[in-house]
Each structure stands twice: as C-alpha cells, then as structure tokens.
C-alpha cells in the first residue's frame, strides 16, 4: 500500500497536473502546515455554502475551523495516508500575471478516503473550492487530476462520489468527468444535523481508457 502511494512513509508527489480552468492553471499538492490560515479563512467565510453538505458536529463552525482543528485535520490525513487508507491534496490555482511570475493561491481540497484494497480497490472522492473561483472549472480540473492519480499511482480501480440530491453544483462536476449515477442511498450520511439521502456516482478505470484529464480536455475543446 505504501509503495503505491509513492514512498516508504506513504508520501505523495510534490505536485500533480496541471490542468487549465477559467480561473487559471490548476495543480494539486500535499497539504502544508502553512495552508492553515487560508483554509480557516476561506471555509469560515464560505460557511453558508459548505455547511449544508458537511458532516454534523457538536462544535460551532468557527470552532471546527480553529488552529487546533486544522492541525488535527492535517495530521489525521497524513496518518491515514501512511496507512494506505486515504490521500488528499491542496488545490492551487495560478491565474497568471503580466510578469509571468507564478502566483499560486490555495483554493480548496480534493480528498480520497475509505480506500479498500484486495479485490475491491475502491475509494470515495470529496472536494471543495473557494467560492470566489466557482463556475470556472476549478473543481472539475482538480478532481480530474486527482482521479487520474488514484487510477494510476493510487492503485484504485473504482472511485465513488456520494452527493446530496440538492447539491447540483457538485453533481455537475462528476457528470462532466464521466461519473455515472448508480443509485440513491437512503439516509446515508449524518450531514448538517440529520441523516441525509445521497446519490451514488462512480467511475472505473475502464470508463476512461485515456484518463479523466483527457476526457475533460476533449469536452472543453468541443
């Protein structure tokens, strides 16, 4: 498992991508300790957009996005990656500049979890993007990069996404990348204070023989 994830300690590659979006060049990289301030700022500002789709919790939204919670979130993901159970990335967007100098900004996350090996080789994907970059193809580009990694170096055969029926924006992302809707999971996840139904979407390696990024580029070029 650890070798599949890239190293003896479950290390991830320093950078993945790029893919182009309406907001600029999109890449993925491992989370850094220094991402905490932007993670907290963006998610607290975007509470009204994120909270309806987030797991239930006893703490307030601000408490859930404190400095200690950021450290716990990052460490838990690192530990899960080392065990081969998950891997996750920061999304970076470089809008470009007149000087040509890179100006990457932290723009969200793509995470793969509940990874199973053996005969299943499956996991789920979740993602969120800074609201200032919505409707510019950032999420589609980021998820495409991540799923291509999951299907190659990540060693997965199938990636699932479970999305609330009312979350139309997230559904558009996975549909654009070729995920098929496979069913409705009744009262599947404890989200925002109640057990919520979720639509099940999935993609397997055979669905994208040339990769998800290639599919996205083809759709964008049409």
Protein backbone atom coordinates (compact mmCIF):
# COMPACT_ATOMS: atom_id res chain seq x y z
CA UNK A 1 0.00 0.00 0.00
CA UNK A 2 2.68 2.46 0.95
CA UNK A 3 4.67 1.86 -2.20
CA UNK A 4 1.54 2.51 -4.28
CA UNK A 5 1.13 5.87 -2.56
CA UNK A 6 4.61 6.92 -3.56
CA UNK A 7 7.11 6.12 -0.83
CA UNK A 8 8.02 4.23 2.31
CA UNK A 9 6.04 6.63 4.50
CA UNK A 10 3.02 6.97 2.22
CA UNK A 11 4.47 10.19 0.78
CA UNK A 12 2.58 11.94 -2.01
CA UNK A 13 4.12 13.55 -5.10
CA UNK A 14 5.17 17.17 -4.69
CA UNK A 15 2.84 18.31 -7.48
CA UNK A 16 0.23 16.89 -9.86
CA UNK A 17 -1.17 18.41 -13.02
CA UNK A 18 -1.51 20.96 -14.42
CA UNK A 19 -4.94 21.38 -15.96
CA UNK A 20 -6.35 24.63 -17.24
CA UNK A 21 -9.53 26.28 -15.95
CA UNK A 22 -11.29 29.58 -16.44
CA UNK A 23 -9.52 30.83 -13.30
CA UNK A 24 -6.05 29.75 -14.43
CA UNK A 25 -3.66 26.84 -14.12
CA UNK A 26 -4.81 24.20 -11.60
CA UNK A 27 -2.40 21.89 -9.78
CA UNK A 28 -2.59 19.59 -6.75
CA UNK A 29 -0.01 19.19 -3.98
CA UNK A 30 0.11 17.79 -0.44
CA UNK A 31 -1.30 19.97 2.32
CA UNK A 32 1.24 22.17 4.11
CA UNK A 33 1.18 23.41 7.68
CA UNK A 34 1.19 26.95 6.26
CA UNK A 35 -2.15 26.32 4.46
CA UNK A 36 -3.97 26.57 7.77
CA UNK A 37 -4.63 30.30 7.72
CA UNK A 38 -6.19 30.24 4.24
CA UNK A 39 -8.09 27.00 4.99
CA UNK A 40 -9.64 28.65 8.04
CA UNK A 41 -10.33 32.00 6.35
CA UNK A 42 -11.98 30.57 3.24
CA UNK A 43 -14.07 27.93 4.99
CA UNK A 44 -15.30 30.32 7.69
CA UNK A 45 -16.23 32.89 5.03
CA UNK A 46 -17.97 30.22 2.92
CA UNK A 47 -19.91 28.64 5.80
CA UNK A 48 -23.31 29.15 4.15
CA UNK A 49 -22.12 27.30 1.04
CA UNK A 50 -20.17 24.50 2.75
CA UNK A 51 -22.11 23.70 5.89
CA UNK A 52 -25.22 22.20 4.21
CA UNK A 53 -23.01 19.45 2.74
CA UNK A 54 -20.62 18.97 5.69
CA UNK A 55 -20.65 16.33 8.41
CA UNK A 56 -22.61 17.06 11.58
CA UNK A 57 -20.68 18.21 14.62
CA UNK A 58 -21.19 19.46 18.17
CA UNK A 59 -18.84 22.44 17.76
CA UNK A 60 -19.72 25.74 16.09
CA UNK A 61 -18.43 26.25 12.55
CA UNK A 62 -15.72 28.62 13.78
CA UNK A 63 -14.65 26.14 16.48
CA UNK A 64 -14.41 23.44 13.82
CA UNK A 65 -12.04 25.72 11.91
CA UNK A 66 -9.73 26.76 14.74
CA UNK A 67 -5.96 26.38 14.57
CA UNK A 68 -6.02 23.16 16.68
CA UNK A 69 -8.70 21.67 14.41
CA UNK A 70 -6.60 22.47 11.34
CA UNK A 71 -3.61 20.70 12.88
CA UNK A 72 -5.78 17.70 13.80
CA UNK A 73 -7.28 17.57 10.30
CA UNK A 74 -3.87 17.63 8.63
CA UNK A 75 -2.24 15.11 10.98
CA UNK A 76 -5.14 12.67 10.68
CA UNK A 77 -4.94 12.82 6.89
CA UNK A 78 -1.18 12.25 6.99
CA UNK A 79 -1.65 9.24 9.27
CA UNK A 80 -4.39 7.79 7.08
CA UNK A 81 -2.17 8.26 4.02
CA UNK A 82 0.68 6.41 5.72
CA UNK A 83 -1.71 3.52 6.45
CA UNK A 84 -2.91 3.46 2.84
CA UNK A 85 -6.46 4.38 3.83
CA UNK A 86 -6.70 7.86 2.28
CA UNK A 87 -4.82 10.58 0.45
CA UNK A 88 -5.61 14.21 -0.09
CA UNK A 89 -4.33 17.31 -1.83
CA UNK A 90 -4.50 21.07 -1.69
CA UNK A 91 -5.82 22.70 -4.85
CA UNK A 92 -3.67 25.54 -6.16
CA UNK A 93 -4.70 27.99 -8.86
CA UNK A 94 -2.26 30.21 -10.71
CA UNK A 95 -4.18 32.94 -12.58
CA UNK A 96 -1.02 34.09 -14.37
CA UNK A 97 0.41 37.59 -14.38
CA UNK A 98 1.83 40.13 -16.75
CA UNK A 99 5.33 39.48 -15.40
CA UNK A 100 4.99 35.74 -15.94
CA UNK A 101 5.85 35.05 -12.31
CA UNK A 102 3.87 32.24 -10.62
CA UNK A 103 1.20 33.42 -8.20
CA UNK A 104 -0.35 30.20 -6.91
CA UNK A 105 -3.11 30.51 -4.34
CA UNK A 106 -4.62 27.89 -2.06
CA UNK A 107 -8.08 27.24 -3.49
CA UNK A 108 -9.54 24.16 -1.77
CA UNK A 109 -9.04 20.43 -1.34
CA UNK A 110 -9.53 17.08 -3.06
CA UNK A 111 -9.57 14.06 -0.73
CA UNK A 112 -9.83 10.31 -1.35
CA UNK A 113 -10.98 8.17 1.56
CA UNK A 114 -12.31 4.79 2.71
CA UNK A 115 -9.74 3.15 0.45
CA UNK A 116 -10.08 -0.62 0.20
CA UNK A 117 -7.52 -2.90 -1.42
CA UNK A 118 -7.68 -6.57 -2.38
CA UNK A 119 -10.40 -7.49 -4.85
CA UNK A 120 -12.23 -4.15 -4.40
CA UNK A 121 -9.55 -1.44 -4.86
CA UNK A 122 -12.08 1.35 -4.35
CA UNK A 123 -12.47 4.65 -2.51
CA UNK A 124 -14.54 7.83 -2.43
CA UNK A 125 -13.62 11.33 -3.57
CA UNK A 126 -14.68 14.58 -1.89
CA UNK A 127 -13.81 18.14 -2.80
CA UNK A 128 -14.47 21.80 -2.05
CA UNK A 129 -13.35 25.01 -3.78
CA UNK A 130 -13.13 28.65 -2.70
CA UNK A 131 -16.41 30.34 -3.65
CA UNK A 132 -14.50 33.14 -5.40
CA UNK A 133 -13.45 30.54 -8.00
CA UNK A 134 -16.81 28.84 -8.51
CA UNK A 135 -18.21 28.24 -12.01
CA UNK A 136 -14.78 28.47 -13.63
CA UNK A 137 -13.98 24.78 -13.94
CA UNK A 138 -11.57 24.63 -11.00
CA UNK A 139 -13.32 21.73 -9.24
CA UNK A 140 -13.59 19.74 -12.48
CA UNK A 141 -9.90 20.23 -13.24
CA UNK A 142 -8.82 19.38 -9.70
CA UNK A 143 -10.95 16.24 -9.43
CA UNK A 144 -9.79 15.09 -12.88
CA UNK A 145 -6.14 15.40 -11.82
CA UNK A 146 -6.85 13.60 -8.56
CA UNK A 147 -8.80 10.71 -10.09
CA UNK A 148 -6.09 10.13 -12.70
CA UNK A 149 -3.62 9.82 -9.83
CA UNK A 150 -5.97 7.48 -7.95
CA UNK A 151 -6.32 5.23 -11.01
CA UNK A 152 -2.57 5.06 -11.64
CA UNK A 153 -0.17 5.56 -8.73
CA UNK A 154 -3.03 5.32 -6.21
CA UNK A 155 -3.80 1.79 -7.37
CA UNK A 156 -7.60 2.16 -7.42
CA UNK A 157 -10.00 0.56 -9.89
CA UNK A 158 -13.16 2.43 -8.84
CA UNK A 159 -13.83 5.87 -7.38
CA UNK A 160 -17.20 6.80 -5.90
CA UNK A 161 -18.78 10.16 -5.09
CA UNK A 162 -21.86 10.46 -2.86
CA UNK A 163 -23.67 13.75 -3.35
CA UNK A 164 -26.82 15.20 -1.81
CA UNK A 165 -29.67 15.46 -4.37
CA UNK A 166 -29.89 19.23 -3.76
CA UNK A 167 -26.17 19.78 -4.40
CA UNK A 168 -26.50 20.36 -8.13
CA UNK A 169 -23.15 22.12 -8.49
CA UNK A 170 -21.24 19.09 -7.21
CA UNK A 171 -23.28 16.76 -9.40
CA UNK A 172 -22.29 18.80 -12.46
CA UNK A 173 -18.61 18.28 -11.63
CA UNK A 174 -18.77 14.49 -11.56
CA UNK A 175 -21.15 14.22 -14.52
CA UNK A 176 -18.76 16.36 -16.57
CA UNK A 177 -15.95 13.92 -15.77
CA UNK A 178 -17.94 10.87 -16.81
CA UNK A 179 -19.14 9.53 -13.46
CA UNK A 180 -22.37 7.58 -13.85
CA UNK A 181 -25.23 7.77 -11.37
CA UNK A 182 -25.77 4.30 -9.88
CA UNK A 183 -28.48 4.84 -7.30
CA UNK A 184 -29.91 6.62 -4.27
CA UNK A 185 -28.56 5.84 -0.80
CA UNK A 186 -31.32 6.45 1.74
CA UNK A 187 -30.37 8.26 4.98
CA UNK A 188 -26.74 7.56 4.10
CA UNK A 189 -24.70 10.24 5.91
CA UNK A 190 -25.14 12.37 9.03
CA UNK A 191 -24.90 15.78 7.39
CA UNK A 192 -25.70 19.19 8.89
CA UNK A 193 -27.67 17.70 11.77
CA UNK A 194 -29.65 14.91 10.09
CA UNK A 195 -29.32 11.64 8.19
CA UNK A 196 -29.46 12.65 4.54
CA UNK A 197 -30.12 10.77 1.31
CA UNK A 198 -27.25 10.81 -1.19
CA UNK A 199 -26.92 10.00 -4.86
CA UNK A 200 -24.20 7.46 -5.64
CA UNK A 201 -21.92 8.22 -8.59
CA UNK A 202 -19.00 6.05 -9.69
CA UNK A 203 -16.22 5.81 -12.26
CA UNK A 204 -13.96 2.85 -13.05
CA UNK A 205 -10.67 2.67 -14.93
CA UNK A 206 -12.37 1.09 -17.94
CA UNK A 207 -14.67 4.12 -18.31
CA UNK A 208 -11.73 6.45 -19.05
CA UNK A 209 -9.08 4.49 -21.00
CA UNK A 210 -7.18 7.70 -21.83
CA UNK A 211 -7.63 9.25 -18.38
CA UNK A 212 -10.06 11.73 -16.87
CA UNK A 213 -7.98 14.78 -17.78
CA UNK A 214 -8.03 13.72 -21.43
CA UNK A 215 -11.80 13.38 -21.28
CA UNK A 216 -12.11 16.83 -19.71
CA UNK A 217 -9.85 18.42 -22.33
CA UNK A 218 -11.91 16.81 -25.08
CA UNK A 219 -15.18 18.12 -23.62
CA UNK A 220 -13.73 21.59 -23.12
CA UNK A 221 -12.45 21.73 -26.71
CA UNK A 222 -15.86 20.93 -28.23
